[in-house]
Amino acid sequence: FSLAADDRLDSRYSATHLAVFGELDGTLGSRWRWSLGGRVERRDADYSDASTSFGLPVGAQSFSPRNSMWGGHATLSRDLGRSSSLYLGVSRGYKAGGFNIGLAVPDDRRSFRPESLLNLELGWRASLASGRLTASATVFHMRRHDLQIRAGEQLVPGDPNTFVFFTVNADRGTNTGFEGALRWQPVRAFELAASAGLLRARFAGYRSGGVSLAGRDAPHAPHLQYALSGTWHHPSGLFARFDVTGMGRFYFDVPPVE
C-alpha cells in the first residue's frame, strides 16, 4: 500500500523583450549639469501547461500577457565647489505584469497588471580631506501605481490546506524616506563606513478581505535600517573586517483573505 501520488505538470514558457532607450547629457555654464533619458519597452510572454494525476488529465492553463511600458529620468545638478554637489531628479520606472499559475488560484486572480513608479529625489554628495572622507544624503518621495504585492487566500473556510499565494495589484502606494552614508579613512590601512535609512512605505488604496489597508505600512519596509563597518588592510594582503547591521520592525506580509 502506498500513499505516493503520481502528479505531473508539463509547461512551456517564453518571453520576448524589445526595448529602445537613449540618454543625453550636457552642461549649463561652469557649474550646472543636466541629464535626460528615456526607455520604451514591449514585452510579449506565452505560457501553457497541462496537469495529470495518475495519468488522467486534471486541467490546463495558458496565458499570453502583452505589456507596453515606458520609463525615463531628468536630472539637474550643481557643483557647490571642488568637493561637493547637489542634484534634483525625477524618474519613472516600471515592472511588467504577469500571471499566477496553479489550478487552485481563483479566476479573478489569474493575472496582474504592470506596475509604475514616479520618483522625486534630492541629494547631496561630498568628498573631503583629499578623498579620505566622503558623505552623501538623499531624500525621496515615490508614488506607485498598480503596485504588485504578494497576497493569499484560504479557499475553504476552516481548511488551512486550501491556502494559496498569488500576486495582485493594489491601486496606489507611496514611499517617503531618507538615506545617508559616510566613509572615513583616518589612516591608509583602516576605513570606517556608516549608513542609515528612514522609510515610510504605505498603501494608499488597497483592500484585503473587505478591509481597507489605506495608510497601513507596506510589507518588508522597516522604518529604520542602519549599518556600521570597519576594515583593516595589511600590505601582505591580510585584512580584517567587522559589520554591524540592524533594522526596525516591519510587516512580513499583507493580511490574508479568509
C-alpha atoms as a PDB file:
ATOM      1  CA  PHE A   1       0.000   0.000   0.000  1.00  0.00           C
ATOM      2  CA  SER A   2       1.424   3.379  -0.996  1.00  0.00           C
ATOM      3  CA  LEU A   3       0.235   6.938  -0.484  1.00  0.00           C
ATOM      4  CA  ALA A   4       2.587   8.286  -3.177  1.00  0.00           C
ATOM      5  CA  ALA A   5       0.889  10.497  -5.764  1.00  0.00           C
ATOM      6  CA  ASP A   6       1.586  10.338  -9.479  1.00  0.00           C
ATOM      7  CA  ASP A   7       1.082  14.005 -10.340  1.00  0.00           C
ATOM      8  CA  ARG A   8       2.739  15.656 -13.316  1.00  0.00           C
ATOM      9  CA  LEU A   9       2.885  19.155 -14.734  1.00  0.00           C
ATOM     10  CA  ASP A  10       4.203  19.825 -18.233  1.00  0.00           C
ATOM     11  CA  SER A  11       4.702  23.510 -19.042  1.00  0.00           C
ATOM     12  CA  ARG A  12       6.165  25.794 -21.686  1.00  0.00           C
ATOM     13  CA  TYR A  13       7.167  29.417 -21.235  1.00  0.00           C
ATOM     14  CA  SER A  14       8.746  32.039 -23.492  1.00  0.00           C
ATOM     15  CA  ALA A  15       9.143  35.812 -23.262  1.00  0.00           C
ATOM     16  CA  THR A  16      10.368  38.419 -25.724  1.00  0.00           C
ATOM     17  CA  HIS A  17      11.562  41.887 -24.698  1.00  0.00           C
ATOM     18  CA  LEU A  18      12.036  44.653 -27.268  1.00  0.00           C
ATOM     19  CA  ALA A  19      13.316  47.984 -25.946  1.00  0.00           C
ATOM     20  CA  VAL A  20      14.610  51.309 -27.236  1.00  0.00           C
ATOM     21  CA  PHE A  21      16.438  53.676 -24.905  1.00  0.00           C
ATOM     22  CA  GLY A  22      18.633  56.748 -25.071  1.00  0.00           C
ATOM     23  CA  GLU A  23      20.286  59.405 -22.925  1.00  0.00           C
ATOM     24  CA  LEU A  24      21.531  62.966 -23.365  1.00  0.00           C
ATOM     25  CA  ASP A  25      23.915  64.826 -21.037  1.00  0.00           C
ATOM     26  CA  GLY A  26      25.001  68.441 -21.111  1.00  0.00           C
ATOM     27  CA  THR A  27      26.186  71.441 -19.137  1.00  0.00           C
ATOM     28  CA  LEU A  28      24.759  74.886 -18.370  1.00  0.00           C
ATOM     29  CA  GLY A  29      27.662  77.172 -17.631  1.00  0.00           C
ATOM     30  CA  SER A  30      30.544  76.007 -15.496  1.00  0.00           C
ATOM     31  CA  ARG A  31      28.611  74.584 -12.525  1.00  0.00           C
ATOM     32  CA  TRP A  32      25.325  73.198 -13.816  1.00  0.00           C
ATOM     33  CA  ARG A  33      24.870  69.787 -15.446  1.00  0.00           C
ATOM     34  CA  TRP A  34      21.760  68.102 -16.821  1.00  0.00           C
ATOM     35  CA  SER A  35      20.796  64.635 -17.968  1.00  0.00           C
ATOM     36  CA  LEU A  36      17.742  63.278 -19.818  1.00  0.00           C
ATOM     37  CA  GLY A  37      16.974  59.648 -20.549  1.00  0.00           C
ATOM     38  CA  GLY A  38      14.088  57.504 -21.694  1.00  0.00           C
ATOM     39  CA  ARG A  39      13.178  53.901 -22.403  1.00  0.00           C
ATOM     40  CA  VAL A  40      10.245  52.268 -24.195  1.00  0.00           C
ATOM     41  CA  GLU A  41       9.759  48.524 -23.885  1.00  0.00           C
ATOM     42  CA  ARG A  42       7.410  45.894 -25.288  1.00  0.00           C
ATOM     43  CA  ARG A  43       7.147  42.521 -23.530  1.00  0.00           C
ATOM     44  CA  ASP A  44       5.312  39.539 -25.002  1.00  0.00           C
ATOM     45  CA  ALA A  45       5.070  36.339 -22.970  1.00  0.00           C
ATOM     46  CA  ASP A  46       3.447  32.982 -23.612  1.00  0.00           C
ATOM     47  CA  TYR A  47       2.806  30.237 -21.077  1.00  0.00           C
ATOM     48  CA  SER A  48       0.887  26.977 -21.294  1.00  0.00           C
ATOM     49  CA  ASP A  49       0.721  23.837 -19.160  1.00  0.00           C
ATOM     50  CA  ALA A  50      -1.165  20.606 -18.689  1.00  0.00           C
ATOM     51  CA  SER A  51      -1.620  18.699 -15.410  1.00  0.00           C
ATOM     52  CA  THR A  52      -2.256  14.998 -14.936  1.00  0.00           C
ATOM     53  CA  SER A  53      -2.865  12.856 -11.853  1.00  0.00           C
ATOM     54  CA  PHE A  54      -2.280   9.099 -12.147  1.00  0.00           C
ATOM     55  CA  GLY A  55      -2.236   9.574 -15.904  1.00  0.00           C
ATOM     56  CA  LEU A  56      -5.610  11.315 -16.062  1.00  0.00           C
ATOM     57  CA  PRO A  57      -5.978  14.950 -17.236  1.00  0.00           C
ATOM     58  CA  VAL A  58      -6.635  17.363 -14.383  1.00  0.00           C
ATOM     59  CA  GLY A  59      -6.544  20.743 -16.084  1.00  0.00           C
ATOM     60  CA  ALA A  60      -4.684  23.091 -18.386  1.00  0.00           C
ATOM     61  CA  GLN A  61      -3.801  26.786 -18.346  1.00  0.00           C
ATOM     62  CA  SER A  62      -2.495  29.271 -20.873  1.00  0.00           C
ATOM     63  CA  PHE A  63      -1.521  32.947 -20.580  1.00  0.00           C
ATOM     64  CA  SER A  64      -0.260  35.445 -23.164  1.00  0.00           C
ATOM     65  CA  PRO A  65       0.282  38.831 -21.485  1.00  0.00           C
ATOM     66  CA  ARG A  66       1.318  41.739 -23.715  1.00  0.00           C
ATOM     67  CA  ASN A  67       2.751  44.834 -21.985  1.00  0.00           C
ATOM     68  CA  SER A  68       3.878  48.162 -23.454  1.00  0.00           C
ATOM     69  CA  MET A  69       5.811  50.206 -20.873  1.00  0.00           C
ATOM     70  CA  TRP A  70       7.902  53.349 -20.663  1.00  0.00           C
ATOM     71  CA  GLY A  71      10.277  54.993 -18.216  1.00  0.00           C
ATOM     72  CA  GLY A  72      12.860  57.742 -18.032  1.00  0.00           C
ATOM     73  CA  HIS A  73      14.639  60.314 -15.935  1.00  0.00           C
ATOM     74  CA  ALA A  74      15.549  64.004 -15.829  1.00  0.00           C
ATOM     75  CA  THR A  75      18.324  65.232 -13.524  1.00  0.00           C
ATOM     76  CA  LEU A  76      19.765  68.663 -12.788  1.00  0.00           C
ATOM     77  CA  SER A  77      22.899  69.011 -10.654  1.00  0.00           C
ATOM     78  CA  ARG A  78      25.061  71.874  -9.432  1.00  0.00           C
ATOM     79  CA  ASP A  79      28.659  71.871  -8.237  1.00  0.00           C
ATOM     80  CA  LEU A  80      28.915  73.621  -4.873  1.00  0.00           C
ATOM     81  CA  GLY A  81      32.669  73.773  -5.062  1.00  0.00           C
ATOM     82  CA  ARG A  82      35.529  71.427  -5.772  1.00  0.00           C
ATOM     83  CA  SER A  83      34.352  68.775  -3.342  1.00  0.00           C
ATOM     84  CA  SER A  84      30.526  68.721  -3.208  1.00  0.00           C
ATOM     85  CA  SER A  85      27.472  68.795  -5.432  1.00  0.00           C
ATOM     86  CA  LEU A  86      23.686  68.952  -5.157  1.00  0.00           C
ATOM     87  CA  TYR A  87      21.225  67.274  -7.518  1.00  0.00           C
ATOM     88  CA  LEU A  88      17.488  67.104  -8.155  1.00  0.00           C
ATOM     89  CA  GLY A  89      15.988  64.298 -10.194  1.00  0.00           C
ATOM     90  CA  VAL A  90      12.651  62.925 -11.315  1.00  0.00           C
ATOM     91  CA  SER A  91      12.334  59.456 -12.772  1.00  0.00           C
ATOM     92  CA  ARG A  92       9.733  56.921 -13.822  1.00  0.00           C
ATOM     93  CA  GLY A  93      10.230  53.172 -13.563  1.00  0.00           C
ATOM     94  CA  TYR A  94       8.081  50.154 -14.315  1.00  0.00           C
ATOM     95  CA  LYS A  95       7.667  46.436 -13.755  1.00  0.00           C
ATOM     96  CA  ALA A  96       5.982  44.121 -16.234  1.00  0.00           C
ATOM     97  CA  GLY A  97       2.724  42.373 -15.449  1.00  0.00           C
ATOM     98  CA  GLY A  98       2.304  38.631 -15.290  1.00  0.00           C
ATOM     99  CA  PHE A  99       0.164  35.723 -14.193  1.00  0.00           C
ATOM    100  CA  ASN A 100      -0.356  33.323 -11.292  1.00  0.00           C
ATOM    101  CA  ILE A 101      -0.175  29.632 -12.125  1.00  0.00           C
ATOM    102  CA  GLY A 102      -1.875  26.849 -10.214  1.00  0.00           C
ATOM    103  CA  LEU A 103      -5.293  25.267 -10.599  1.00  0.00           C
ATOM    104  CA  ALA A 104      -6.278  26.447  -7.103  1.00  0.00           C
ATOM    105  CA  VAL A 105      -5.801  30.166  -7.896  1.00  0.00           C
ATOM    106  CA  PRO A 106      -9.199  31.903  -8.212  1.00  0.00           C
ATOM    107  CA  ASP A 107     -10.120  33.003 -11.737  1.00  0.00           C
ATOM    108  CA  ASP A 108     -10.161  36.700 -10.782  1.00  0.00           C
ATOM    109  CA  ARG A 109      -6.564  36.388  -9.516  1.00  0.00           C
ATOM    110  CA  ARG A 110      -5.088  34.767 -12.615  1.00  0.00           C
ATOM    111  CA  SER A 111      -3.284  37.819 -13.969  1.00  0.00           C
ATOM    112  CA  PHE A 112      -1.882  41.105 -12.657  1.00  0.00           C
ATOM    113  CA  ARG A 113      -1.123  44.413 -14.374  1.00  0.00           C
ATOM    114  CA  PRO A 114       2.220  46.198 -14.868  1.00  0.00           C
ATOM    115  CA  GLU A 115       3.390  48.476 -12.054  1.00  0.00           C
ATOM    116  CA  SER A 116       4.738  52.005 -12.491  1.00  0.00           C
ATOM    117  CA  LEU A 117       6.602  54.294 -10.119  1.00  0.00           C
ATOM    118  CA  LEU A 118       7.254  58.036 -10.160  1.00  0.00           C
ATOM    119  CA  ASN A 119      10.204  59.150  -8.020  1.00  0.00           C
ATOM    120  CA  LEU A 120      11.296  62.642  -6.938  1.00  0.00           C
ATOM    121  CA  GLU A 121      14.767  62.799  -5.368  1.00  0.00           C
ATOM    122  CA  LEU A 122      17.025  65.470  -3.870  1.00  0.00           C
ATOM    123  CA  GLY A 123      20.587  64.556  -2.971  1.00  0.00           C
ATOM    124  CA  TRP A 124      23.953  65.884  -1.810  1.00  0.00           C
ATOM    125  CA  ARG A 125      27.430  64.366  -2.222  1.00  0.00           C
ATOM    126  CA  ALA A 126      30.795  65.491  -0.895  1.00  0.00           C
ATOM    127  CA  SER A 127      34.406  64.324  -0.960  1.00  0.00           C
ATOM    128  CA  LEU A 128      36.609  65.961   1.674  1.00  0.00           C
ATOM    129  CA  ALA A 129      40.086  65.670   3.212  1.00  0.00           C
ATOM    130  CA  SER A 130      41.698  64.706  -0.105  1.00  0.00           C
ATOM    131  CA  GLY A 131      39.134  61.966  -0.622  1.00  0.00           C
ATOM    132  CA  ARG A 132      39.646  60.341   2.789  1.00  0.00           C
ATOM    133  CA  LEU A 133      36.152  61.414   3.879  1.00  0.00           C
ATOM    134  CA  THR A 134      33.083  61.033   1.664  1.00  0.00           C
ATOM    135  CA  ALA A 135      29.461  61.687   2.559  1.00  0.00           C
ATOM    136  CA  SER A 136      26.095  61.545   0.827  1.00  0.00           C
ATOM    137  CA  ALA A 137      22.496  62.263   1.767  1.00  0.00           C
ATOM    138  CA  THR A 138      19.271  61.766  -0.180  1.00  0.00           C
ATOM    139  CA  VAL A 139      15.600  62.447   0.446  1.00  0.00           C
ATOM    140  CA  PHE A 140      12.979  60.963  -1.845  1.00  0.00           C
ATOM    141  CA  HIS A 141       9.264  60.561  -2.431  1.00  0.00           C
ATOM    142  CA  MET A 142       7.782  57.848  -4.644  1.00  0.00           C
ATOM    143  CA  ARG A 143       4.266  57.344  -5.924  1.00  0.00           C
ATOM    144  CA  ARG A 144       3.478  53.794  -7.021  1.00  0.00           C
ATOM    145  CA  HIS A 145       0.553  52.851  -9.253  1.00  0.00           C
ATOM    146  CA  ASP A 146      -0.885  49.343  -9.609  1.00  0.00           C
ATOM    147  CA  LEU A 147       1.823  48.129  -7.216  1.00  0.00           C
ATOM    148  CA  GLN A 148       2.364  44.387  -7.260  1.00  0.00           C
ATOM    149  CA  ILE A 149       2.123  42.689  -3.874  1.00  0.00           C
ATOM    150  CA  ARG A 150       2.098  39.093  -2.631  1.00  0.00           C
ATOM    151  CA  ALA A 151      -1.239  38.129  -1.140  1.00  0.00           C
ATOM    152  CA  GLY A 152      -3.051  34.925  -0.212  1.00  0.00           C
ATOM    153  CA  GLU A 153      -6.490  33.436   0.182  1.00  0.00           C
ATOM    154  CA  GLN A 154      -7.978  30.491   2.040  1.00  0.00           C
ATOM    155  CA  LEU A 155     -10.383  28.968  -0.474  1.00  0.00           C
ATOM    156  CA  VAL A 156     -12.325  26.844   2.025  1.00  0.00           C
ATOM    157  CA  PRO A 157     -13.111  28.454   5.416  1.00  0.00           C
ATOM    158  CA  GLY A 158     -11.657  26.380   8.245  1.00  0.00           C
ATOM    159  CA  ASP A 159      -9.345  24.359   5.988  1.00  0.00           C
ATOM    160  CA  PRO A 160      -5.777  25.775   6.047  1.00  0.00           C
ATOM    161  CA  ASN A 161      -4.713  23.219   3.417  1.00  0.00           C
ATOM    162  CA  THR A 162      -6.610  25.254   0.821  1.00  0.00           C
ATOM    163  CA  PHE A 163      -4.486  28.391   1.359  1.00  0.00           C
ATOM    164  CA  VAL A 164      -2.812  29.672  -1.823  1.00  0.00           C
ATOM    165  CA  PHE A 165      -0.469  32.608  -2.516  1.00  0.00           C
ATOM    166  CA  PHE A 166      -0.541  34.845  -5.578  1.00  0.00           C
ATOM    167  CA  THR A 167       0.469  38.297  -6.831  1.00  0.00           C
ATOM    168  CA  VAL A 168      -2.183  41.021  -7.063  1.00  0.00           C
ATOM    169  CA  ASN A 169      -2.305  44.752  -7.786  1.00  0.00           C
ATOM    170  CA  ALA A 170      -3.001  47.399  -5.173  1.00  0.00           C
ATOM    171  CA  ASP A 171      -4.293  50.693  -6.561  1.00  0.00           C
ATOM    172  CA  ARG A 172      -1.674  53.074  -5.182  1.00  0.00           C
ATOM    173  CA  GLY A 173       1.149  53.379  -2.684  1.00  0.00           C
ATOM    174  CA  THR A 174       3.725  55.914  -1.504  1.00  0.00           C
ATOM    175  CA  ASN A 175       7.332  55.643  -0.294  1.00  0.00           C
ATOM    176  CA  THR A 176       8.972  58.561   1.510  1.00  0.00           C
ATOM    177  CA  GLY A 177      12.388  58.411   3.066  1.00  0.00           C
ATOM    178  CA  PHE A 178      15.971  59.466   3.699  1.00  0.00           C
ATOM    179  CA  GLU A 179      19.288  57.721   3.031  1.00  0.00           C
ATOM    180  CA  GLY A 180      22.679  58.802   4.322  1.00  0.00           C
ATOM    181  CA  ALA A 181      26.169  57.322   4.070  1.00  0.00           C
ATOM    182  CA  LEU A 182      29.600  58.228   5.456  1.00  0.00           C
ATOM    183  CA  ARG A 183      33.023  56.749   4.728  1.00  0.00           C
ATOM    184  CA  TRP A 184      36.168  57.811   6.617  1.00  0.00           C
ATOM    185  CA  GLN A 185      39.755  56.648   6.130  1.00  0.00           C
ATOM    186  CA  PRO A 186      41.714  58.090   9.074  1.00  0.00           C
ATOM    187  CA  VAL A 187      44.870  56.175   8.067  1.00  0.00           C
ATOM    188  CA  ARG A 188      45.768  54.341   4.885  1.00  0.00           C
ATOM    189  CA  ALA A 189      45.238  50.866   6.343  1.00  0.00           C
ATOM    190  CA  PHE A 190      41.886  51.437   8.076  1.00  0.00           C
ATOM    191  CA  GLU A 191      38.464  52.526   6.869  1.00  0.00           C
ATOM    192  CA  LEU A 192      35.182  53.147   8.667  1.00  0.00           C
ATOM    193  CA  ALA A 193      31.799  53.267   6.970  1.00  0.00           C
ATOM    194  CA  ALA A 194      28.303  54.001   8.241  1.00  0.00           C
ATOM    195  CA  SER A 195      24.892  54.281   6.613  1.00  0.00           C
ATOM    196  CA  ALA A 196      21.313  54.803   7.741  1.00  0.00           C
ATOM    197  CA  GLY A 197      17.926  54.877   6.108  1.00  0.00           C
ATOM    198  CA  LEU A 198      14.481  56.058   7.143  1.00  0.00           C
ATOM    199  CA  LEU A 199      11.442  54.852   5.201  1.00  0.00           C
ATOM    200  CA  ARG A 200       7.705  55.195   5.350  1.00  0.00           C
ATOM    201  CA  ALA A 201       6.057  52.964   2.737  1.00  0.00           C
ATOM    202  CA  ARG A 202       2.272  52.962   2.817  1.00  0.00           C
ATOM    203  CA  PHE A 203      -0.678  51.678   0.864  1.00  0.00           C
ATOM    204  CA  ALA A 204      -2.820  54.497  -0.487  1.00  0.00           C
ATOM    205  CA  GLY A 205      -5.513  52.272  -1.933  1.00  0.00           C
ATOM    206  CA  TYR A 206      -5.899  48.535  -1.259  1.00  0.00           C
ATOM    207  CA  ARG A 207      -8.483  46.250   0.317  1.00  0.00           C
ATOM    208  CA  SER A 208      -7.890  42.740   1.652  1.00  0.00           C
ATOM    209  CA  GLY A 209     -10.757  40.573   2.820  1.00  0.00           C
ATOM    210  CA  GLY A 210     -13.116  43.548   2.663  1.00  0.00           C
ATOM    211  CA  VAL A 211     -10.850  45.595   4.954  1.00  0.00           C
ATOM    212  CA  SER A 212      -9.241  48.813   3.703  1.00  0.00           C
ATOM    213  CA  LEU A 213      -5.463  48.934   4.198  1.00  0.00           C
ATOM    214  CA  ALA A 214      -5.128  52.558   3.075  1.00  0.00           C
ATOM    215  CA  GLY A 215      -2.495  54.203   5.255  1.00  0.00           C
ATOM    216  CA  ARG A 216      -1.048  50.922   6.556  1.00  0.00           C
ATOM    217  CA  ASP A 217       2.649  50.172   6.121  1.00  0.00           C
ATOM    218  CA  ALA A 218       3.651  48.029   3.168  1.00  0.00           C
ATOM    219  CA  PRO A 219       5.307  44.666   3.929  1.00  0.00           C
ATOM    220  CA  HIS A 220       9.098  44.328   4.167  1.00  0.00           C
ATOM    221  CA  ALA A 221       9.521  48.084   4.721  1.00  0.00           C
ATOM    222  CA  PRO A 222      11.114  48.790   8.137  1.00  0.00           C
ATOM    223  CA  HIS A 223      11.071  52.421   9.250  1.00  0.00           C
ATOM    224  CA  LEU A 224      14.776  52.286  10.170  1.00  0.00           C
ATOM    225  CA  GLN A 225      17.813  50.493   8.773  1.00  0.00           C
ATOM    226  CA  TYR A 226      21.458  51.087   9.662  1.00  0.00           C
ATOM    227  CA  ALA A 227      24.905  49.606   9.116  1.00  0.00           C
ATOM    228  CA  LEU A 228      28.379  50.191  10.520  1.00  0.00           C
ATOM    229  CA  SER A 229      31.587  48.557   9.304  1.00  0.00           C
ATOM    230  CA  GLY A 230      35.331  48.799   9.722  1.00  0.00           C
ATOM    231  CA  THR A 231      38.037  47.305   7.509  1.00  0.00           C
ATOM    232  CA  TRP A 232      41.768  46.936   8.159  1.00  0.00           C
ATOM    233  CA  HIS A 233      44.163  46.091   5.316  1.00  0.00           C
ATOM    234  CA  HIS A 234      47.755  44.880   5.645  1.00  0.00           C
ATOM    235  CA  PRO A 235      50.271  45.295   2.787  1.00  0.00           C
ATOM    236  CA  SER A 236      50.700  41.491   2.689  1.00  0.00           C
ATOM    237  CA  GLY A 237      47.070  41.089   1.636  1.00  0.00           C
ATOM    238  CA  LEU A 238      45.645  40.131   5.013  1.00  0.00           C
ATOM    239  CA  PHE A 239      42.588  42.031   6.172  1.00  0.00           C
ATOM    240  CA  ALA A 240      40.060  42.069   8.989  1.00  0.00           C
ATOM    241  CA  ARG A 241      36.545  43.437   8.981  1.00  0.00           C
ATOM    242  CA  PHE A 242      33.596  43.911  11.313  1.00  0.00           C
ATOM    243  CA  ASP A 243      29.983  44.645  10.421  1.00  0.00           C
ATOM    244  CA  VAL A 244      27.014  45.699  12.489  1.00  0.00           C
ATOM    245  CA  THR A 245      23.584  45.931  10.859  1.00  0.00           C
ATOM    246  CA  GLY A 246      20.112  46.473  12.194  1.00  0.00           C
ATOM    247  CA  MET A 247      16.561  47.319  11.221  1.00  0.00           C
ATOM    248  CA  GLY A 248      13.256  48.163  12.804  1.00  0.00           C
ATOM    249  CA  ARG A 249      10.081  46.119  12.890  1.00  0.00           C
ATOM    250  CA  PHE A 250       8.070  45.568   9.723  1.00  0.00           C
ATOM    251  CA  TYR A 251       5.064  43.683   8.394  1.00  0.00           C
ATOM    252  CA  PHE A 252       6.027  40.374   6.832  1.00  0.00           C
ATOM    253  CA  ASP A 253       3.001  40.213   4.538  1.00  0.00           C
ATOM    254  CA  VAL A 254      -0.424  41.669   3.874  1.00  0.00           C
ATOM    255  CA  PRO A 255      -3.385  40.230   5.838  1.00  0.00           C
ATOM    256  CA  PRO A 256      -4.744  37.154   4.044  1.00  0.00           C
ATOM    257  CA  VAL A 257      -8.248  36.878   2.682  1.00  0.00           C
ATOM    258  CA  GLU A 258     -10.180  34.485   4.902  1.00  0.00           C
END
